C-alpha atoms as a PDB file:
ATOM      1  CA  UNK A   1     -17.505  -1.955  13.653  1.00  0.00           C
ATOM      2  CA  UNK A   2     -15.536  -4.756  11.996  1.00  0.00           C
ATOM      3  CA  UNK A   3     -13.564  -6.962  14.431  1.00  0.00           C
ATOM      4  CA  UNK A   4      -9.839  -7.015  14.249  1.00  0.00           C
ATOM      5  CA  UNK A   5      -8.131  -9.609  12.153  1.00  0.00           C
ATOM      6  CA  UNK A   6      -4.612  -8.471  13.332  1.00  0.00           C
ATOM      7  CA  UNK A   7      -3.939  -6.638  16.584  1.00  0.00           C
ATOM      8  CA  UNK A   8      -0.257  -5.563  17.363  1.00  0.00           C
ATOM      9  CA  UNK A   9       0.681  -3.843  20.576  1.00  0.00           C
ATOM     10  CA  UNK A  10       4.229  -2.779  21.461  1.00  0.00           C
ATOM     11  CA  UNK A  11       5.854  -4.873  18.901  1.00  0.00           C
ATOM     12  CA  UNK A  12       9.739  -4.670  19.225  1.00  0.00           C
ATOM     13  CA  UNK A  13      12.568  -6.459  17.491  1.00  0.00           C
ATOM     14  CA  UNK A  14      16.218  -5.761  17.448  1.00  0.00           C
ATOM     15  CA  UNK A  15      19.178  -7.448  16.224  1.00  0.00           C
ATOM     16  CA  UNK A  16      22.016  -6.768  18.501  1.00  0.00           C
ATOM     17  CA  UNK A  17      22.039  -2.901  18.961  1.00  0.00           C
ATOM     18  CA  UNK A  18      20.044  -2.239  15.899  1.00  0.00           C
ATOM     19  CA  UNK A  19      16.332  -1.659  16.450  1.00  0.00           C
ATOM     20  CA  UNK A  20      14.235  -2.584  13.666  1.00  0.00           C
ATOM     21  CA  UNK A  21      10.874  -2.313  15.195  1.00  0.00           C
ATOM     22  CA  UNK A  22      10.612   0.263  18.095  1.00  0.00           C
ATOM     23  CA  UNK A  23       7.317  -0.572  19.908  1.00  0.00           C
ATOM     24  CA  UNK A  24       4.668  -0.243  16.999  1.00  0.00           C
ATOM     25  CA  UNK A  25       0.731  -0.609  17.537  1.00  0.00           C
ATOM     26  CA  UNK A  26      -1.743  -1.039  15.084  1.00  0.00           C
ATOM     27  CA  UNK A  27      -4.950  -3.006  14.153  1.00  0.00           C
ATOM     28  CA  UNK A  28      -6.385  -4.425  10.863  1.00  0.00           C
ATOM     29  CA  UNK A  29     -10.093  -4.820  10.615  1.00  0.00           C
ATOM     30  CA  UNK A  30     -11.409  -8.105   9.118  1.00  0.00           C
ATOM     31  CA  UNK A  31     -12.403  -8.028   5.725  1.00  0.00           C
ATOM     32  CA  UNK A  32     -10.244  -4.984   4.830  1.00  0.00           C
ATOM     33  CA  UNK A  33      -7.116  -4.018   3.081  1.00  0.00           C
ATOM     34  CA  UNK A  34      -4.362  -2.617   5.237  1.00  0.00           C
ATOM     35  CA  UNK A  35      -1.146  -1.439   3.733  1.00  0.00           C
ATOM     36  CA  UNK A  36       2.103  -0.781   5.252  1.00  0.00           C
ATOM     37  CA  UNK A  37       4.245   1.492   3.417  1.00  0.00           C
ATOM     38  CA  UNK A  38       8.083   2.605   4.431  1.00  0.00           C
ATOM     39  CA  UNK A  39      11.509   2.931   2.495  1.00  0.00           C
ATOM     40  CA  UNK A  40      13.916   0.217   2.239  1.00  0.00           C
ATOM     41  CA  UNK A  41      15.036  -0.963   5.994  1.00  0.00           C
ATOM     42  CA  UNK A  42      12.112   0.632   7.623  1.00  0.00           C
ATOM     43  CA  UNK A  43      10.998  -2.798   9.137  1.00  0.00           C
ATOM     44  CA  UNK A  44       8.280  -3.900   6.775  1.00  0.00           C
ATOM     45  CA  UNK A  45       9.463  -7.341   5.971  1.00  0.00           C
ATOM     46  CA  UNK A  46      10.271  -7.965   9.881  1.00  0.00           C
ATOM     47  CA  UNK A  47       6.964  -7.022  10.565  1.00  0.00           C
ATOM     48  CA  UNK A  48       5.379  -9.330   8.018  1.00  0.00           C
ATOM     49  CA  UNK A  49       7.808 -12.165   9.527  1.00  0.00           C
ATOM     50  CA  UNK A  50       6.534 -11.595  13.075  1.00  0.00           C
ATOM     51  CA  UNK A  51       2.892 -11.647  11.988  1.00  0.00           C
ATOM     52  CA  UNK A  52       3.262 -14.772   9.909  1.00  0.00           C
ATOM     53  CA  UNK A  53       5.267 -16.748  12.625  1.00  0.00           C
ATOM     54  CA  UNK A  54       8.359 -16.827  10.739  1.00  0.00           C
ATOM     55  CA  UNK A  55      10.289 -14.753  13.571  1.00  0.00           C
ATOM     56  CA  UNK A  56       9.638 -14.240  17.212  1.00  0.00           C
ATOM     57  CA  UNK A  57       9.263 -10.645  18.534  1.00  0.00           C
ATOM     58  CA  UNK A  58      11.609  -9.391  21.422  1.00  0.00           C
ATOM     59  CA  UNK A  59       8.594  -7.614  22.958  1.00  0.00           C
ATOM     60  CA  UNK A  60       4.961  -6.861  22.566  1.00  0.00           C
ATOM     61  CA  UNK A  61       1.921  -8.743  21.907  1.00  0.00           C
ATOM     62  CA  UNK A  62       0.681 -10.018  18.182  1.00  0.00           C
ATOM     63  CA  UNK A  63      -2.668 -11.473  17.609  1.00  0.00           C
ATOM     64  CA  UNK A  64      -3.625 -12.869  14.223  1.00  0.00           C
ATOM     65  CA  UNK A  65      -7.118 -14.199  13.496  1.00  0.00           C
ATOM     66  CA  UNK A  66      -7.525 -14.196  17.194  1.00  0.00           C
ATOM     67  CA  UNK A  67      -4.319 -16.254  18.126  1.00  0.00           C
ATOM     68  CA  UNK A  68      -1.260 -15.162  19.845  1.00  0.00           C
ATOM     69  CA  UNK A  69       1.565 -15.756  17.352  1.00  0.00           C
ATOM     70  CA  UNK A  70       3.913 -16.665  20.276  1.00  0.00           C
ATOM     71  CA  UNK A  71       1.456 -19.563  21.804  1.00  0.00           C
ATOM     72  CA  UNK A  72      -0.804 -20.062  19.090  1.00  0.00           C
ATOM     73  CA  UNK A  73       1.456 -20.584  15.984  1.00  0.00           C
ATOM     74  CA  UNK A  74      -0.267 -23.708  14.595  1.00  0.00           C
ATOM     75  CA  UNK A  75      -3.542 -21.878  14.664  1.00  0.00           C
ATOM     76  CA  UNK A  76      -2.076 -18.668  13.125  1.00  0.00           C
ATOM     77  CA  UNK A  77      -0.654 -20.643  10.295  1.00  0.00           C
ATOM     78  CA  UNK A  78      -3.862 -22.557   9.548  1.00  0.00           C
ATOM     79  CA  UNK A  79      -5.563 -19.214   9.182  1.00  0.00           C
ATOM     80  CA  UNK A  80      -3.160 -17.359   6.848  1.00  0.00           C
ATOM     81  CA  UNK A  81      -1.631 -17.279   3.438  1.00  0.00           C
ATOM     82  CA  UNK A  82       1.778 -15.624   2.399  1.00  0.00           C
ATOM     83  CA  UNK A  83       2.757 -14.329  -0.991  1.00  0.00           C
ATOM     84  CA  UNK A  84       6.239 -12.788  -1.240  1.00  0.00           C
ATOM     85  CA  UNK A  85       8.079 -10.639  -3.766  1.00  0.00           C
ATOM     86  CA  UNK A  86       9.219 -13.619  -5.621  1.00  0.00           C
ATOM     87  CA  UNK A  87       6.717 -16.264  -6.858  1.00  0.00           C
ATOM     88  CA  UNK A  88       7.300 -19.432  -5.099  1.00  0.00           C
ATOM     89  CA  UNK A  89       6.344 -21.861  -7.757  1.00  0.00           C
ATOM     90  CA  UNK A  90       8.036 -25.074  -8.979  1.00  0.00           C
ATOM     91  CA  UNK A  91       9.142 -24.216 -12.768  1.00  0.00           C
ATOM     92  CA  UNK A  92       9.454 -27.908 -13.841  1.00  0.00           C
ATOM     93  CA  UNK A  93       5.727 -28.413 -12.866  1.00  0.00           C
ATOM     94  CA  UNK A  94       2.728 -27.244 -14.820  1.00  0.00           C
ATOM     95  CA  UNK A  95       0.470 -24.630 -13.169  1.00  0.00           C
ATOM     96  CA  UNK A  96      -2.304 -27.425 -12.499  1.00  0.00           C
ATOM     97  CA  UNK A  97       0.530 -29.586 -10.865  1.00  0.00           C
ATOM     98  CA  UNK A  98       1.744 -26.815  -8.468  1.00  0.00           C
ATOM     99  CA  UNK A  99      -1.843 -26.153  -7.550  1.00  0.00           C
ATOM    100  CA  UNK A 100      -2.384 -30.092  -7.083  1.00  0.00           C
ATOM    101  CA  UNK A 101       0.738 -30.260  -4.977  1.00  0.00           C
ATOM    102  CA  UNK A 102      -0.334 -27.646  -2.375  1.00  0.00           C
ATOM    103  CA  UNK A 103      -3.893 -29.171  -2.328  1.00  0.00           C
ATOM    104  CA  UNK A 104      -2.226 -32.606  -1.217  1.00  0.00           C
ATOM    105  CA  UNK A 105      -0.176 -30.745   1.300  1.00  0.00           C
ATOM    106  CA  UNK A 106      -2.870 -29.114   2.793  1.00  0.00           C
ATOM    107  CA  UNK A 107      -5.316 -32.097   2.345  1.00  0.00           C
ATOM    108  CA  UNK A 108      -7.793 -29.944   0.843  1.00  0.00           C
ATOM    109  CA  UNK A 109     -11.276 -31.648   0.400  1.00  0.00           C
ATOM    110  CA  UNK A 110     -12.160 -32.111  -3.101  1.00  0.00           C
ATOM    111  CA  UNK A 111      -8.536 -31.136  -4.312  1.00  0.00           C
ATOM    112  CA  UNK A 112      -9.484 -31.458  -8.028  1.00  0.00           C
ATOM    113  CA  UNK A 113     -12.482 -29.151  -7.715  1.00  0.00           C
ATOM    114  CA  UNK A 114     -10.403 -26.469  -5.886  1.00  0.00           C
ATOM    115  CA  UNK A 115      -7.636 -26.735  -8.666  1.00  0.00           C
ATOM    116  CA  UNK A 116     -10.240 -26.265 -11.299  1.00  0.00           C
ATOM    117  CA  UNK A 117     -11.865 -23.322  -9.654  1.00  0.00           C
ATOM    118  CA  UNK A 118      -8.721 -21.486  -9.032  1.00  0.00           C
ATOM    119  CA  UNK A 119      -7.262 -22.025 -12.384  1.00  0.00           C
ATOM    120  CA  UNK A 120     -10.577 -20.602 -13.683  1.00  0.00           C
ATOM    121  CA  UNK A 121     -10.623 -17.730 -11.179  1.00  0.00           C
ATOM    122  CA  UNK A 122      -6.983 -16.682 -12.191  1.00  0.00           C
ATOM    123  CA  UNK A 123      -7.602 -17.105 -15.817  1.00  0.00           C
ATOM    124  CA  UNK A 124      -4.958 -19.833 -16.141  1.00  0.00           C
ATOM    125  CA  UNK A 125      -7.046 -22.472 -17.728  1.00  0.00           C
ATOM    126  CA  UNK A 126      -5.312 -22.194 -21.214  1.00  0.00           C
ATOM    127  CA  UNK A 127      -1.914 -22.330 -19.658  1.00  0.00           C
ATOM    128  CA  UNK A 128      -2.645 -24.823 -16.912  1.00  0.00           C
ATOM    129  CA  UNK A 129      -0.722 -27.976 -18.231  1.00  0.00           C
ATOM    130  CA  UNK A 130       2.192 -25.808 -19.634  1.00  0.00           C
ATOM    131  CA  UNK A 131       5.400 -25.925 -17.313  1.00  0.00           C
ATOM    132  CA  UNK A 132       5.461 -22.785 -15.220  1.00  0.00           C
ATOM    133  CA  UNK A 133       8.964 -22.065 -16.836  1.00  0.00           C
ATOM    134  CA  UNK A 134       7.254 -20.888 -20.029  1.00  0.00           C
ATOM    135  CA  UNK A 135       4.910 -18.608 -17.729  1.00  0.00           C
ATOM    136  CA  UNK A 136       5.294 -14.706 -17.977  1.00  0.00           C
ATOM    137  CA  UNK A 137       6.071 -12.865 -14.682  1.00  0.00           C
ATOM    138  CA  UNK A 138       2.461 -11.875 -14.346  1.00  0.00           C
ATOM    139  CA  UNK A 139       1.206 -15.333 -14.820  1.00  0.00           C
ATOM    140  CA  UNK A 140       3.810 -16.749 -12.395  1.00  0.00           C
ATOM    141  CA  UNK A 141       2.447 -14.107  -9.789  1.00  0.00           C
ATOM    142  CA  UNK A 142      -0.981 -15.176 -10.442  1.00  0.00           C
ATOM    143  CA  UNK A 143      -0.347 -18.849  -9.939  1.00  0.00           C
ATOM    144  CA  UNK A 144       1.598 -18.123  -6.717  1.00  0.00           C
ATOM    145  CA  UNK A 145      -1.530 -16.066  -5.200  1.00  0.00           C
ATOM    146  CA  UNK A 146      -3.660 -19.023  -6.472  1.00  0.00           C
ATOM    147  CA  UNK A 147      -1.441 -21.353  -4.498  1.00  0.00           C
ATOM    148  CA  UNK A 148      -1.825 -19.129  -1.413  1.00  0.00           C
ATOM    149  CA  UNK A 149      -5.579 -19.622  -1.584  1.00  0.00           C
ATOM    150  CA  UNK A 150      -5.720 -23.246  -1.464  1.00  0.00           C
ATOM    151  CA  UNK A 151      -7.376 -23.980   1.970  1.00  0.00           C
ATOM    152  CA  UNK A 152      -9.157 -20.416   1.822  1.00  0.00           C
ATOM    153  CA  UNK A 153      -7.074 -18.535   4.287  1.00  0.00           C
ATOM    154  CA  UNK A 154      -9.012 -15.786   6.230  1.00  0.00           C
ATOM    155  CA  UNK A 155      -5.858 -13.337   6.171  1.00  0.00           C
ATOM    156  CA  UNK A 156      -3.578 -12.965   3.101  1.00  0.00           C
ATOM    157  CA  UNK A 157      -0.035 -11.377   3.611  1.00  0.00           C
ATOM    158  CA  UNK A 158       1.046  -9.737   0.259  1.00  0.00           C
ATOM    159  CA  UNK A 159       4.732  -8.712   0.354  1.00  0.00           C
ATOM    160  CA  UNK A 160       5.167  -6.421  -2.556  1.00  0.00           C
ATOM    161  CA  UNK A 161       3.163  -8.819  -4.753  1.00  0.00           C
ATOM    162  CA  UNK A 162       3.405  -6.796  -7.996  1.00  0.00           C
ATOM    163  CA  UNK A 163       7.054  -5.828  -8.035  1.00  0.00           C
ATOM    164  CA  UNK A 164       8.537  -6.202 -11.567  1.00  0.00           C
ATOM    165  CA  UNK A 165       5.020  -6.457 -13.181  1.00  0.00           C
ATOM    166  CA  UNK A 166       3.933  -4.385 -16.201  1.00  0.00           C
ATOM    167  CA  UNK A 167       1.078  -1.981 -15.741  1.00  0.00           C
ATOM    168  CA  UNK A 168      -1.653  -4.249 -17.154  1.00  0.00           C
ATOM    169  CA  UNK A 169      -0.485  -7.327 -14.870  1.00  0.00           C
ATOM    170  CA  UNK A 170      -0.423  -5.095 -11.992  1.00  0.00           C
ATOM    171  CA  UNK A 171      -4.077  -3.910 -12.400  1.00  0.00           C
ATOM    172  CA  UNK A 172      -5.097  -7.364 -13.112  1.00  0.00           C
ATOM    173  CA  UNK A 173      -3.811  -8.237  -9.570  1.00  0.00           C
ATOM    174  CA  UNK A 174      -5.467  -5.230  -8.200  1.00  0.00           C
ATOM    175  CA  UNK A 175      -8.679  -6.764  -9.314  1.00  0.00           C
ATOM    176  CA  UNK A 176      -8.109 -10.022  -7.979  1.00  0.00           C
ATOM    177  CA  UNK A 177      -7.163  -8.381  -4.492  1.00  0.00           C
ATOM    178  CA  UNK A 178     -10.622  -6.358  -4.616  1.00  0.00           C
ATOM    179  CA  UNK A 179     -12.533  -9.592  -5.218  1.00  0.00           C
ATOM    180  CA  UNK A 180     -10.849 -11.409  -2.293  1.00  0.00           C
ATOM    181  CA  UNK A 181     -11.788  -8.534  -0.023  1.00  0.00           C
ATOM    182  CA  UNK A 182     -15.377  -8.603  -1.321  1.00  0.00           C
ATOM    183  CA  UNK A 183     -15.560 -12.353  -0.395  1.00  0.00           C
ATOM    184  CA  UNK A 184     -14.462 -11.363   3.155  1.00  0.00           C
ATOM    185  CA  UNK A 185     -10.753 -11.996   3.181  1.00  0.00           C
ATOM    186  CA  UNK A 186      -8.489  -9.658   5.040  1.00  0.00           C
ATOM    187  CA  UNK A 187      -5.333  -8.396   3.064  1.00  0.00           C
ATOM    188  CA  UNK A 188      -2.145  -7.161   4.714  1.00  0.00           C
ATOM    189  CA  UNK A 189       0.075  -5.390   1.790  1.00  0.00           C
ATOM    190  CA  UNK A 190       3.451  -4.083   1.812  1.00  0.00           C
ATOM    191  CA  UNK A 191       4.300  -2.196  -1.462  1.00  0.00           C
ATOM    192  CA  UNK A 192       6.842  -0.179  -3.150  1.00  0.00           C
ATOM    193  CA  UNK A 193       4.035   1.350  -5.453  1.00  0.00           C
ATOM    194  CA  UNK A 194       2.214   4.408  -3.712  1.00  0.00           C
ATOM    195  CA  UNK A 195      -0.605   4.270  -6.109  1.00  0.00           C
ATOM    196  CA  UNK A 196      -1.320   0.657  -5.313  1.00  0.00           C
ATOM    197  CA  UNK A 197      -1.799   1.443  -1.750  1.00  0.00           C
ATOM    198  CA  UNK A 198      -3.853   4.524  -2.806  1.00  0.00           C
ATOM    199  CA  UNK A 199      -5.999   2.205  -5.075  1.00  0.00           C
ATOM    200  CA  UNK A 200      -6.465  -0.775  -2.875  1.00  0.00           C
ATOM    201  CA  UNK A 201      -5.919   0.160   0.921  1.00  0.00           C
ATOM    202  CA  UNK A 202      -8.619   0.894   3.281  1.00  0.00           C
ATOM    203  CA  UNK A 203      -6.079   2.011   5.914  1.00  0.00           C
ATOM    204  CA  UNK A 204      -2.388   2.831   5.533  1.00  0.00           C
ATOM    205  CA  UNK A 205       0.548   2.886   8.055  1.00  0.00           C
ATOM    206  CA  UNK A 206       3.691   4.579   7.356  1.00  0.00           C
ATOM    207  CA  UNK A 207       6.720   2.790   8.844  1.00  0.00           C
ATOM    208  CA  UNK A 208      10.094   4.632   9.132  1.00  0.00           C
ATOM    209  CA  UNK A 209      13.156   3.576  11.102  1.00  0.00           C
ATOM    210  CA  UNK A 210      11.170   1.143  13.081  1.00  0.00           C
ATOM    211  CA  UNK A 211       8.575   3.549  14.271  1.00  0.00           C
ATOM    212  CA  UNK A 212       4.940   3.987  12.775  1.00  0.00           C
ATOM    213  CA  UNK A 213       5.040   7.819  11.813  1.00  0.00           C
ATOM    214  CA  UNK A 214       1.279   7.938  10.734  1.00  0.00           C
ATOM    215  CA  UNK A 215      -1.996   5.847  10.249  1.00  0.00           C
ATOM    216  CA  UNK A 216      -5.104   6.618   8.573  1.00  0.00           C
ATOM    217  CA  UNK A 217      -7.159   6.314   5.415  1.00  0.00           C
ATOM    218  CA  UNK A 218      -5.324   7.365   2.130  1.00  0.00           C
ATOM    219  CA  UNK A 219      -7.549  10.618   2.267  1.00  0.00           C
ATOM    220  CA  UNK A 220      -6.580  11.179   6.125  1.00  0.00           C
ATOM    221  CA  UNK A 221      -2.865  11.046   5.236  1.00  0.00           C
ATOM    222  CA  UNK A 222      -3.060  13.343   2.390  1.00  0.00           C
ATOM    223  CA  UNK A 223      -4.729  15.829   4.550  1.00  0.00           C
ATOM    224  CA  UNK A 224      -1.761  15.821   6.739  1.00  0.00           C
ATOM    225  CA  UNK A 225       0.528  17.294   4.146  1.00  0.00           C
ATOM    226  CA  UNK A 226      -0.040  20.915   3.215  1.00  0.00           C
ATOM    227  CA  UNK A 227       0.185  21.767  -0.493  1.00  0.00           C
ATOM    228  CA  UNK A 228      -3.360  21.845  -1.984  1.00  0.00           C
ATOM    229  CA  UNK A 229      -3.398  24.851  -4.494  1.00  0.00           C
ATOM    230  CA  UNK A 230      -5.072  26.099  -7.563  1.00  0.00           C
ATOM    231  CA  UNK A 231      -2.926  26.318 -10.890  1.00  0.00           C
ATOM    232  CA  UNK A 232      -3.852  29.066 -13.221  1.00  0.00           C
ATOM    233  CA  UNK A 233      -2.248  29.350 -16.786  1.00  0.00           C
ATOM    234  CA  UNK A 234      -2.437  32.615 -18.860  1.00  0.00           C
ATOM    235  CA  UNK A 235      -1.882  33.572 -22.213  1.00  0.00           C
ATOM    236  CA  UNK A 236       0.782  36.212 -21.747  1.00  0.00           C
ATOM    237  CA  UNK A 237       2.956  38.088 -19.163  1.00  0.00           C
ATOM    238  CA  UNK A 238       0.632  41.091 -18.690  1.00  0.00           C
ATOM    239  CA  UNK A 239      -2.180  38.840 -17.343  1.00  0.00           C
ATOM    240  CA  UNK A 240       0.059  36.859 -15.335  1.00  0.00           C
ATOM    241  CA  UNK A 241       1.472  40.179 -13.772  1.00  0.00           C
ATOM    242  CA  UNK A 242      -2.086  41.340 -13.126  1.00  0.00           C
ATOM    243  CA  UNK A 243      -3.166  38.017 -11.429  1.00  0.00           C
ATOM    244  CA  UNK A 244      -0.089  37.758  -9.486  1.00  0.00           C
ATOM    245  CA  UNK A 245      -0.858  41.312  -7.903  1.00  0.00           C
ATOM    246  CA  UNK A 246      -4.620  40.394  -7.446  1.00  0.00           C
ATOM    247  CA  UNK A 247      -3.691  37.154  -5.629  1.00  0.00           C
ATOM    248  CA  UNK A 248      -1.109  37.927  -2.820  1.00  0.00           C
ATOM    249  CA  UNK A 249       0.569  34.847  -1.595  1.00  0.00           C
ATOM    250  CA  UNK A 250       0.623  33.250  -4.992  1.00  0.00           C
ATOM    251  CA  UNK A 251       3.880  31.946  -6.554  1.00  0.00           C
ATOM    252  CA  UNK A 252       4.437  32.440 -10.496  1.00  0.00           C
ATOM    253  CA  UNK A 253       6.345  30.717 -13.170  1.00  0.00           C
ATOM    254  CA  UNK A 254       7.119  33.185 -15.967  1.00  0.00           C
ATOM    255  CA  UNK A 255       8.376  30.352 -18.416  1.00  0.00           C
ATOM    256  CA  UNK A 256       5.098  28.422 -18.068  1.00  0.00           C
ATOM    257  CA  UNK A 257       3.008  31.521 -17.557  1.00  0.00           C
ATOM    258  CA  UNK A 258       1.364  29.890 -14.616  1.00  0.00           C
ATOM    259  CA  UNK A 259       0.334  30.979 -11.090  1.00  0.00           C
ATOM    260  CA  UNK A 260       0.060  28.589  -8.014  1.00  0.00           C
ATOM    261  CA  UNK A 261      -2.410  29.775  -5.390  1.00  0.00           C
ATOM    262  CA  UNK A 262      -2.538  28.077  -2.097  1.00  0.00           C
ATOM    263  CA  UNK A 263      -6.198  26.906  -1.433  1.00  0.00           C
ATOM    264  CA  UNK A 264      -8.013  24.287   0.593  1.00  0.00           C
ATOM    265  CA  UNK A 265      -9.795  23.104  -2.666  1.00  0.00           C
ATOM    266  CA  UNK A 266     -13.225  23.740  -1.517  1.00  0.00           C
ATOM    267  CA  UNK A 267     -15.927  25.018  -3.572  1.00  0.00           C
ATOM    268  CA  UNK A 268     -16.206  28.174  -1.620  1.00  0.00           C
ATOM    269  CA  UNK A 269     -12.694  29.102  -1.934  1.00  0.00           C
ATOM    270  CA  UNK A 270     -12.449  28.342  -5.664  1.00  0.00           C
ATOM    271  CA  UNK A 271     -15.431  30.526  -6.186  1.00  0.00           C
ATOM    272  CA  UNK A 272     -13.796  33.461  -4.149  1.00  0.00           C
ATOM    273  CA  UNK A 273     -10.677  33.056  -6.432  1.00  0.00           C
ATOM    274  CA  UNK A 274     -12.675  33.168  -9.531  1.00  0.00           C
ATOM    275  CA  UNK A 275     -14.677  36.288  -8.600  1.00  0.00           C
ATOM    276  CA  UNK A 276     -11.372  37.843  -7.893  1.00  0.00           C
ATOM    277  CA  UNK A 277      -9.995  37.251 -11.303  1.00  0.00           C
ATOM    278  CA  UNK A 278     -13.237  38.607 -12.605  1.00  0.00           C
ATOM    279  CA  UNK A 279     -12.982  41.855 -10.614  1.00  0.00           C
ATOM    280  CA  UNK A 280      -9.726  42.469 -12.398  1.00  0.00           C
ATOM    281  CA  UNK A 281     -11.010  41.285 -15.736  1.00  0.00           C
ATOM    282  CA  UNK A 282      -8.589  38.527 -16.071  1.00  0.00           C
ATOM    283  CA  UNK A 283      -9.408  35.211 -17.746  1.00  0.00           C
ATOM    284  CA  UNK A 284      -7.211  31.959 -16.947  1.00  0.00           C
ATOM    285  CA  UNK A 285      -6.541  29.827 -19.933  1.00  0.00           C
ATOM    286  CA  UNK A 286      -6.320  26.790 -17.826  1.00  0.00           C
ATOM    287  CA  UNK A 287      -7.588  26.032 -14.317  1.00  0.00           C
ATOM    288  CA  UNK A 288      -6.902  23.200 -12.245  1.00  0.00           C
ATOM    289  CA  UNK A 289      -7.094  22.062  -8.483  1.00  0.00           C
ATOM    290  CA  UNK A 290      -3.895  19.942  -7.449  1.00  0.00           C
ATOM    291  CA  UNK A 291      -3.983  18.228  -3.998  1.00  0.00           C
ATOM    292  CA  UNK A 292      -1.031  16.185  -2.389  1.00  0.00           C
ATOM    293  CA  UNK A 293      -0.949  12.381  -3.249  1.00  0.00           C
ATOM    294  CA  UNK A 294       0.644   9.656  -1.337  1.00  0.00           C
ATOM    295  CA  UNK A 295       4.216  10.390  -2.984  1.00  0.00           C
ATOM    296  CA  UNK A 296       3.923  13.731  -1.016  1.00  0.00           C
ATOM    297  CA  UNK A 297       2.808  12.200   2.089  1.00  0.00           C
ATOM    298  CA  UNK A 298       5.541   9.570   1.921  1.00  0.00           C
ATOM    299  CA  UNK A 299       8.381  11.912   1.393  1.00  0.00           C
ATOM    300  CA  UNK A 300       7.144  14.534   3.925  1.00  0.00           C
ATOM    301  CA  UNK A 301       6.613  12.019   6.770  1.00  0.00           C
ATOM    302  CA  UNK A 302       9.892  10.067   6.081  1.00  0.00           C
ATOM    303  CA  UNK A 303      11.802  13.193   5.589  1.00  0.00           C
ATOM    304  CA  UNK A 304      10.537  14.740   8.844  1.00  0.00           C
ATOM    305  CA  UNK A 305      11.216  11.519  10.669  1.00  0.00           C
ATOM    306  CA  UNK A 306      14.773  11.289   9.217  1.00  0.00           C
ATOM    307  CA  UNK A 307      15.529  15.044  10.148  1.00  0.00           C
ATOM    308  CA  UNK A 308      14.029  14.532  13.673  1.00  0.00           C
ATOM    309  CA  UNK A 309      16.403  11.409  14.126  1.00  0.00           C
ATOM    310  CA  UNK A 310      19.285  13.371  12.829  1.00  0.00           C
ATOM    311  CA  UNK A 311      18.437  16.285  15.332  1.00  0.00           C
ATOM    312  CA  UNK A 312      18.155  13.897  18.214  1.00  0.00           C
ATOM    313  CA  UNK A 313      21.480  12.256  17.359  1.00  0.00           C
ATOM    314  CA  UNK A 314      23.136  15.763  17.185  1.00  0.00           C
ATOM    315  CA  UNK A 315      21.777  16.685  20.440  1.00  0.00           C
ATOM    316  CA  UNK A 316      22.985  13.560  22.272  1.00  0.00           C
ATOM    317  CA  UNK A 317      26.635  14.215  20.809  1.00  0.00           C
END
């Protein structure tokens, strides 16, 4: 079992009467991608700020890279790198000069070699000596991440790193994240793109209204939400009518000539369904299995929390 790169217990933070984090607990395994999802105002950025020593918690314990963020601030900062939503680069300098500046500030050994390696790794060699003001959004984001890697941090915090990027640039960043993890780096990722979390994360935590409402692997979270079904399309209403009578509990769409049949998606269930159609001599023109995705999970979990909170407030009044 992997050791913990981050361990959080009872983390609480409030601004006056407004509770932003209400005693959350989670662990992040070393060499993994941990993604925190949540709607705006859920407390994601506050969590990142506490974990990166930019903000003090009101209660709870937080250990990053084996050090308490309250008493071992210097050690924590030496072990981490942080990339925010907006590239923190100097537009008047070239890409090479930006990297050289960070290498000098961090007193990196063999600074020139480090800069060259990072330019090559992030495919920025051809643009290395151009001013960053001429870079595209994707190039700036890659440079920002490259600057974060100077000093080889063991843990990297990526706070919505692909916001505003086009699909190609986003997938390039995904590839870079996978390479980092393959090299043993731990990545703490917040993102507004659920597909991104699904593609990259080993574990996901859903934060809503300051509370963690679910944790698990992407597949584990998807299994929490009902909705797996088989979708059948037919050539005419007569076949649709027969199929609907043969498959009680299904829902139909007469315009689309489709039938939606609840299912667990396993092969045995699918075989039984198809055998049922054969018994009634019905042939489906199209056949597909649909399972909940992270969009469904996110909406179901955050909607449930909001409803519970509203009900609690109503009972208190």
